[in-house]
Amino acid sequence: TASAEGNRIAQLLARTDQSDADADVVRSAQLIGLSRAADKLASRRHSMRPDVYERQQHELYALALEVLR
């Protein structure tokens, strides 16, 4: 199931070149992987301290932004 955090990362795909099938496949795959990691982390949210969860989600988003640079 997609989480809000995973969707936030997935929305960054709009900043990649999607003009043809192979336009930006490497960065797109990296963003999809980070989105899935955020979803997986969200599924474990209730077993984590809130500050740890927020920090880890923030780190995933920061990595996603780095993919776009």
PDB file of N, CA and C in Angstrom:
ATOM      1  N   THR A   1       0.841  -1.184   0.000  1.00  0.00           N
ATOM      2  CA  THR A   1       0.000   0.000   0.000  1.00  0.00           C
ATOM      3  C   THR A   1       0.879   1.237   0.000  1.00  0.00           C
ATOM      4  N   ALA A   2       0.513   2.174  -0.816  1.00  0.00           N
ATOM      5  CA  ALA A   2       1.279   3.419  -0.889  1.00  0.00           C
ATOM      6  C   ALA A   2       1.038   4.267   0.348  1.00  0.00           C
ATOM      7  N   SER A   3       2.104   4.817   0.862  1.00  0.00           N
ATOM      8  CA  SER A   3       2.020   5.710   2.023  1.00  0.00           C
ATOM      9  C   SER A   3       2.106   7.155   1.541  1.00  0.00           C
ATOM     10  N   ALA A   4       1.763   8.067   2.417  1.00  0.00           N
ATOM     11  CA  ALA A   4       1.889   9.489   2.078  1.00  0.00           C
ATOM     12  C   ALA A   4       3.347   9.833   1.766  1.00  0.00           C
ATOM     13  N   GLU A   5       4.258   9.273   2.537  1.00  0.00           N
ATOM     14  CA  GLU A   5       5.676   9.540   2.330  1.00  0.00           C
ATOM     15  C   GLU A   5       6.162   8.946   1.008  1.00  0.00           C
ATOM     16  N   GLY A   6       5.706   7.731   0.705  1.00  0.00           N
ATOM     17  CA  GLY A   6       6.063   7.100  -0.567  1.00  0.00           C
ATOM     18  C   GLY A   6       5.510   7.877  -1.743  1.00  0.00           C
ATOM     19  N   ASN A   7       4.287   8.356  -1.614  1.00  0.00           N
ATOM     20  CA  ASN A   7       3.691   9.171  -2.680  1.00  0.00           C
ATOM     21  C   ASN A   7       4.444  10.476  -2.866  1.00  0.00           C
ATOM     22  N   ARG A   8       4.909  11.047  -1.775  1.00  0.00           N
ATOM     23  CA  ARG A   8       5.673  12.303  -1.851  1.00  0.00           C
ATOM     24  C   ARG A   8       6.937  12.105  -2.695  1.00  0.00           C
ATOM     25  N   ILE A   9       7.601  10.983  -2.485  1.00  0.00           N
ATOM     26  CA  ILE A   9       8.794  10.683  -3.281  1.00  0.00           C
ATOM     27  C   ILE A   9       8.395  10.370  -4.723  1.00  0.00           C
ATOM     28  N   ALA A  10       7.348   9.600  -4.912  1.00  0.00           N
ATOM     29  CA  ALA A  10       6.903   9.240  -6.262  1.00  0.00           C
ATOM     30  C   ALA A  10       6.535  10.482  -7.073  1.00  0.00           C
ATOM     31  N   GLN A  11       6.031  11.511  -6.429  1.00  0.00           N
ATOM     32  CA  GLN A  11       5.682  12.742  -7.136  1.00  0.00           C
ATOM     33  C   GLN A  11       6.908  13.417  -7.753  1.00  0.00           C
ATOM     34  N   LEU A  12       8.079  13.097  -7.237  1.00  0.00           N
ATOM     35  CA  LEU A  12       9.306  13.663  -7.802  1.00  0.00           C
ATOM     36  C   LEU A  12       9.591  13.125  -9.201  1.00  0.00           C
ATOM     37  N   LEU A  13       8.931  12.036  -9.577  1.00  0.00           N
ATOM     38  CA  LEU A  13       9.093  11.505 -10.929  1.00  0.00           C
ATOM     39  C   LEU A  13       8.705  12.545 -11.977  1.00  0.00           C
ATOM     40  N   ALA A  14       7.819  13.435 -11.625  1.00  0.00           N
ATOM     41  CA  ALA A  14       7.404  14.490 -12.556  1.00  0.00           C
ATOM     42  C   ALA A  14       8.567  15.407 -12.928  1.00  0.00           C
ATOM     43  N   ARG A  15       9.610  15.413 -12.138  1.00  0.00           N
ATOM     44  CA  ARG A  15      10.779  16.256 -12.414  1.00  0.00           C
ATOM     45  C   ARG A  15      11.807  15.545 -13.288  1.00  0.00           C
ATOM     46  N   THR A  16      11.522  14.313 -13.681  1.00  0.00           N
ATOM     47  CA  THR A  16      12.433  13.579 -14.548  1.00  0.00           C
ATOM     48  C   THR A  16      11.919  13.639 -15.976  1.00  0.00           C
ATOM     49  N   ASP A  17      12.771  13.314 -16.911  1.00  0.00           N
ATOM     50  CA  ASP A  17      12.405  13.324 -18.327  1.00  0.00           C
ATOM     51  C   ASP A  17      11.636  12.039 -18.637  1.00  0.00           C
ATOM     52  N   GLN A  18      10.361  12.182 -18.890  1.00  0.00           N
ATOM     53  CA  GLN A  18       9.504  11.042 -19.226  1.00  0.00           C
ATOM     54  C   GLN A  18       9.035  11.128 -20.678  1.00  0.00           C
ATOM     55  N   SER A  19       9.795  11.821 -21.528  1.00  0.00           N
ATOM     56  CA  SER A  19       9.375  12.065 -22.904  1.00  0.00           C
ATOM     57  C   SER A  19       9.359  10.809 -23.770  1.00  0.00           C
ATOM     58  N   ASP A  20      10.153   9.810 -23.429  1.00  0.00           N
ATOM     59  CA  ASP A  20      10.073   8.527 -24.130  1.00  0.00           C
ATOM     60  C   ASP A  20      10.434   7.416 -23.157  1.00  0.00           C
ATOM     61  N   ALA A  21      10.296   6.204 -23.590  1.00  0.00           N
ATOM     62  CA  ALA A  21      10.411   5.037 -22.695  1.00  0.00           C
ATOM     63  C   ALA A  21      11.736   4.968 -21.941  1.00  0.00           C
ATOM     64  N   ASP A  22      12.836   5.308 -22.570  1.00  0.00           N
ATOM     65  CA  ASP A  22      14.152   5.191 -21.940  1.00  0.00           C
ATOM     66  C   ASP A  22      14.765   6.543 -21.574  1.00  0.00           C
ATOM     67  N   ALA A  23      13.955   7.562 -21.472  1.00  0.00           N
ATOM     68  CA  ALA A  23      14.469   8.914 -21.301  1.00  0.00           C
ATOM     69  C   ALA A  23      15.273   9.095 -20.019  1.00  0.00           C
ATOM     70  N   ASP A  24      14.771   8.640 -18.903  1.00  0.00           N
ATOM     71  CA  ASP A  24      15.436   8.878 -17.615  1.00  0.00           C
ATOM     72  C   ASP A  24      15.251   7.656 -16.720  1.00  0.00           C
ATOM     73  N   VAL A  25      15.505   6.497 -17.293  1.00  0.00           N
ATOM     74  CA  VAL A  25      15.185   5.244 -16.624  1.00  0.00           C
ATOM     75  C   VAL A  25      15.974   5.032 -15.336  1.00  0.00           C
ATOM     76  N   VAL A  26      17.211   5.466 -15.286  1.00  0.00           N
ATOM     77  CA  VAL A  26      18.036   5.239 -14.095  1.00  0.00           C
ATOM     78  C   VAL A  26      17.497   6.038 -12.913  1.00  0.00           C
ATOM     79  N   ARG A  27      17.295   7.338 -13.120  1.00  0.00           N
ATOM     80  CA  ARG A  27      16.788   8.151 -12.015  1.00  0.00           C
ATOM     81  C   ARG A  27      15.366   7.758 -11.634  1.00  0.00           C
ATOM     82  N   SER A  28      14.556   7.404 -12.624  1.00  0.00           N
ATOM     83  CA  SER A  28      13.186   6.965 -12.330  1.00  0.00           C
ATOM     84  C   SER A  28      13.202   5.709 -11.457  1.00  0.00           C
ATOM     85  N   ALA A  29      14.055   4.763 -11.794  1.00  0.00           N
ATOM     86  CA  ALA A  29      14.149   3.523 -11.010  1.00  0.00           C
ATOM     87  C   ALA A  29      14.615   3.813  -9.589  1.00  0.00           C
ATOM     88  N   GLN A  30      15.552   4.741  -9.437  1.00  0.00           N
ATOM     89  CA  GLN A  30      16.027   5.098  -8.102  1.00  0.00           C
ATOM     90  C   GLN A  30      14.904   5.714  -7.276  1.00  0.00           C
ATOM     91  N   LEU A  31      14.129   6.595  -7.888  1.00  0.00           N
ATOM     92  CA  LEU A  31      13.021   7.234  -7.167  1.00  0.00           C
ATOM     93  C   LEU A  31      11.946   6.215  -6.793  1.00  0.00           C
ATOM     94  N   ILE A  32      11.655   5.300  -7.686  1.00  0.00           N
ATOM     95  CA  ILE A  32      10.666   4.256  -7.385  1.00  0.00           C
ATOM     96  C   ILE A  32      11.159   3.394  -6.231  1.00  0.00           C
ATOM     97  N   GLY A  33      12.442   3.051  -6.231  1.00  0.00           N
ATOM     98  CA  GLY A  33      13.010   2.267  -5.138  1.00  0.00           C
ATOM     99  C   GLY A  33      12.918   2.996  -3.800  1.00  0.00           C
ATOM    100  N   LEU A  34      13.199   4.281  -3.807  1.00  0.00           N
ATOM    101  CA  LEU A  34      13.102   5.065  -2.572  1.00  0.00           C
ATOM    102  C   LEU A  34      11.651   5.220  -2.123  1.00  0.00           C
ATOM    103  N   SER A  35      10.740   5.335  -3.073  1.00  0.00           N
ATOM    104  CA  SER A  35       9.312   5.397  -2.743  1.00  0.00           C
ATOM    105  C   SER A  35       8.860   4.103  -2.072  1.00  0.00           C
ATOM    106  N   ARG A  36       9.298   2.994  -2.611  1.00  0.00           N
ATOM    107  CA  ARG A  36       8.959   1.692  -2.012  1.00  0.00           C
ATOM    108  C   ARG A  36       9.582   1.534  -0.630  1.00  0.00           C
ATOM    109  N   ALA A  37      10.799   2.040  -0.456  1.00  0.00           N
ATOM    110  CA  ALA A  37      11.442   1.983   0.860  1.00  0.00           C
ATOM    111  C   ALA A  37      10.649   2.814   1.870  1.00  0.00           C
ATOM    112  N   ALA A  38      10.142   3.967   1.435  1.00  0.00           N
ATOM    113  CA  ALA A  38       9.326   4.805   2.318  1.00  0.00           C
ATOM    114  C   ALA A  38       8.025   4.087   2.684  1.00  0.00           C
ATOM    115  N   ASP A  39       7.439   3.389   1.717  1.00  0.00           N
ATOM    116  CA  ASP A  39       6.217   2.610   1.990  1.00  0.00           C
ATOM    117  C   ASP A  39       6.497   1.491   2.993  1.00  0.00           C
ATOM    118  N   LYS A  40       7.614   0.808   2.806  1.00  0.00           N
ATOM    119  CA  LYS A  40       7.976  -0.285   3.714  1.00  0.00           C
ATOM    120  C   LYS A  40       8.203   0.250   5.131  1.00  0.00           C
ATOM    121  N   LEU A  41       8.892   1.371   5.215  1.00  0.00           N
ATOM    122  CA  LEU A  41       9.122   1.991   6.516  1.00  0.00           C
ATOM    123  C   LEU A  41       7.791   2.388   7.152  1.00  0.00           C
ATOM    124  N   ALA A  42       6.889   2.929   6.355  1.00  0.00           N
ATOM    125  CA  ALA A  42       5.573   3.330   6.871  1.00  0.00           C
ATOM    126  C   ALA A  42       4.796   2.140   7.424  1.00  0.00           C
ATOM    127  N   SER A  43       4.990   0.978   6.835  1.00  0.00           N
ATOM    128  CA  SER A  43       4.279  -0.207   7.328  1.00  0.00           C
ATOM    129  C   SER A  43       4.770  -0.635   8.707  1.00  0.00           C
ATOM    130  N   ARG A  44       5.965  -0.172   9.085  1.00  0.00           N
ATOM    131  CA  ARG A  44       6.532  -0.499  10.408  1.00  0.00           C
ATOM    132  C   ARG A  44       6.437   0.681  11.374  1.00  0.00           C
ATOM    133  N   ARG A  45       5.751   1.716  10.966  1.00  0.00           N
ATOM    134  CA  ARG A  45       5.689   2.963  11.724  1.00  0.00           C
ATOM    135  C   ARG A  45       5.291   2.771  13.183  1.00  0.00           C
ATOM    136  N   HIS A  46       4.308   1.941  13.433  1.00  0.00           N
ATOM    137  CA  HIS A  46       3.765   1.787  14.788  1.00  0.00           C
ATOM    138  C   HIS A  46       4.697   1.034  15.737  1.00  0.00           C
ATOM    139  N   SER A  47       5.722   0.422  15.195  1.00  0.00           N
ATOM    140  CA  SER A  47       6.685  -0.269  16.053  1.00  0.00           C
ATOM    141  C   SER A  47       7.940   0.579  16.292  1.00  0.00           C
ATOM    142  N   MET A  48       7.894   1.836  15.853  1.00  0.00           N
ATOM    143  CA  MET A  48       9.053   2.710  15.965  1.00  0.00           C
ATOM    144  C   MET A  48       8.718   3.934  16.818  1.00  0.00           C
ATOM    145  N   ARG A  49       9.747   4.505  17.396  1.00  0.00           N
ATOM    146  CA  ARG A  49       9.561   5.796  18.060  1.00  0.00           C
ATOM    147  C   ARG A  49       9.274   6.837  16.980  1.00  0.00           C
ATOM    148  N   PRO A  50       8.375   7.762  17.242  1.00  0.00           N
ATOM    149  CA  PRO A  50       8.021   8.765  16.228  1.00  0.00           C
ATOM    150  C   PRO A  50       9.212   9.569  15.705  1.00  0.00           C
ATOM    151  N   ASP A  51      10.138   9.938  16.574  1.00  0.00           N
ATOM    152  CA  ASP A  51      11.284  10.724  16.118  1.00  0.00           C
ATOM    153  C   ASP A  51      12.193   9.929  15.188  1.00  0.00           C
ATOM    154  N   VAL A  52      12.346   8.648  15.466  1.00  0.00           N
ATOM    155  CA  VAL A  52      13.165   7.784  14.612  1.00  0.00           C
ATOM    156  C   VAL A  52      12.490   7.614  13.254  1.00  0.00           C
ATOM    157  N   TYR A  53      11.183   7.377  13.279  1.00  0.00           N
ATOM    158  CA  TYR A  53      10.432   7.220  12.036  1.00  0.00           C
ATOM    159  C   TYR A  53      10.542   8.483  11.173  1.00  0.00           C
ATOM    160  N   GLU A  54      10.307   9.628  11.764  1.00  0.00           N
ATOM    161  CA  GLU A  54      10.365  10.887  11.021  1.00  0.00           C
ATOM    162  C   GLU A  54      11.763  11.131  10.458  1.00  0.00           C
ATOM    163  N   ARG A  55      12.786  10.853  11.239  1.00  0.00           N
ATOM    164  CA  ARG A  55      14.157  11.049  10.765  1.00  0.00           C
ATOM    165  C   ARG A  55      14.457  10.149   9.577  1.00  0.00           C
ATOM    166  N   GLN A  56      14.050   8.883   9.658  1.00  0.00           N
ATOM    167  CA  GLN A  56      14.321   7.955   8.562  1.00  0.00           C
ATOM    168  C   GLN A  56      13.547   8.326   7.304  1.00  0.00           C
ATOM    169  N   GLN A  57      12.311   8.774   7.463  1.00  0.00           N
ATOM    170  CA  GLN A  57      11.548   9.211   6.283  1.00  0.00           C
ATOM    171  C   GLN A  57      12.194  10.465   5.682  1.00  0.00           C
ATOM    172  N   HIS A  58      12.642  11.362   6.537  1.00  0.00           N
ATOM    173  CA  HIS A  58      13.310  12.569   6.058  1.00  0.00           C
ATOM    174  C   HIS A  58      14.579  12.205   5.273  1.00  0.00           C
ATOM    175  N   GLU A  59      15.322  11.239   5.767  1.00  0.00           N
ATOM    176  CA  GLU A  59      16.538  10.805   5.082  1.00  0.00           C
ATOM    177  C   GLU A  59      16.226  10.219   3.709  1.00  0.00           C
ATOM    178  N   LEU A  60      15.156   9.436   3.614  1.00  0.00           N
ATOM    179  CA  LEU A  60      14.764   8.874   2.319  1.00  0.00           C
ATOM    180  C   LEU A  60      14.391   9.983   1.340  1.00  0.00           C
ATOM    181  N   TYR A  61      13.653  10.984   1.817  1.00  0.00           N
ATOM    182  CA  TYR A  61      13.273  12.084   0.937  1.00  0.00           C
ATOM    183  C   TYR A  61      14.502  12.877   0.495  1.00  0.00           C
ATOM    184  N   ALA A  62      15.431  13.081   1.400  1.00  0.00           N
ATOM    185  CA  ALA A  62      16.664  13.792   1.054  1.00  0.00           C
ATOM    186  C   ALA A  62      17.440  13.022  -0.017  1.00  0.00           C
ATOM    187  N   LEU A  63      17.479  11.705   0.095  1.00  0.00           N
ATOM    188  CA  LEU A  63      18.134  10.889  -0.939  1.00  0.00           C
ATOM    189  C   LEU A  63      17.417  11.037  -2.266  1.00  0.00           C
ATOM    190  N   ALA A  64      16.097  11.086  -2.229  1.00  0.00           N
ATOM    191  CA  ALA A  64      15.326  11.254  -3.457  1.00  0.00           C
ATOM    192  C   ALA A  64      15.643  12.598  -4.125  1.00  0.00           C
ATOM    193  N   LEU A  65      15.768  13.626  -3.320  1.00  0.00           N
ATOM    194  CA  LEU A  65      16.125  14.936  -3.887  1.00  0.00           C
ATOM    195  C   LEU A  65      17.521  14.911  -4.485  1.00  0.00           C
ATOM    196  N   GLU A  66      18.424  14.170  -3.895  1.00  0.00           N
ATOM    197  CA  GLU A  66      19.779  14.029  -4.433  1.00  0.00           C
ATOM    198  C   GLU A  66      19.757  13.346  -5.804  1.00  0.00           C
ATOM    199  N   VAL A  67      18.848  12.408  -5.998  1.00  0.00           N
ATOM    200  CA  VAL A  67      18.729  11.726  -7.288  1.00  0.00           C
ATOM    201  C   VAL A  67      18.445  12.750  -8.394  1.00  0.00           C
ATOM    202  N   LEU A  68      17.704  13.779  -8.065  1.00  0.00           N
ATOM    203  CA  LEU A  68      17.340  14.776  -9.075  1.00  0.00           C
ATOM    204  C   LEU A  68      18.452  15.762  -9.378  1.00  0.00           C
ATOM    205  N   ARG A  69      19.482  15.796  -8.568  1.00  0.00           N
ATOM    206  CA  ARG A  69      20.577  16.765  -8.802  1.00  0.00           C
ATOM    207  C   ARG A  69      21.565  16.267  -9.808  1.00  0.00           C
TER     208      ARG A  69
END
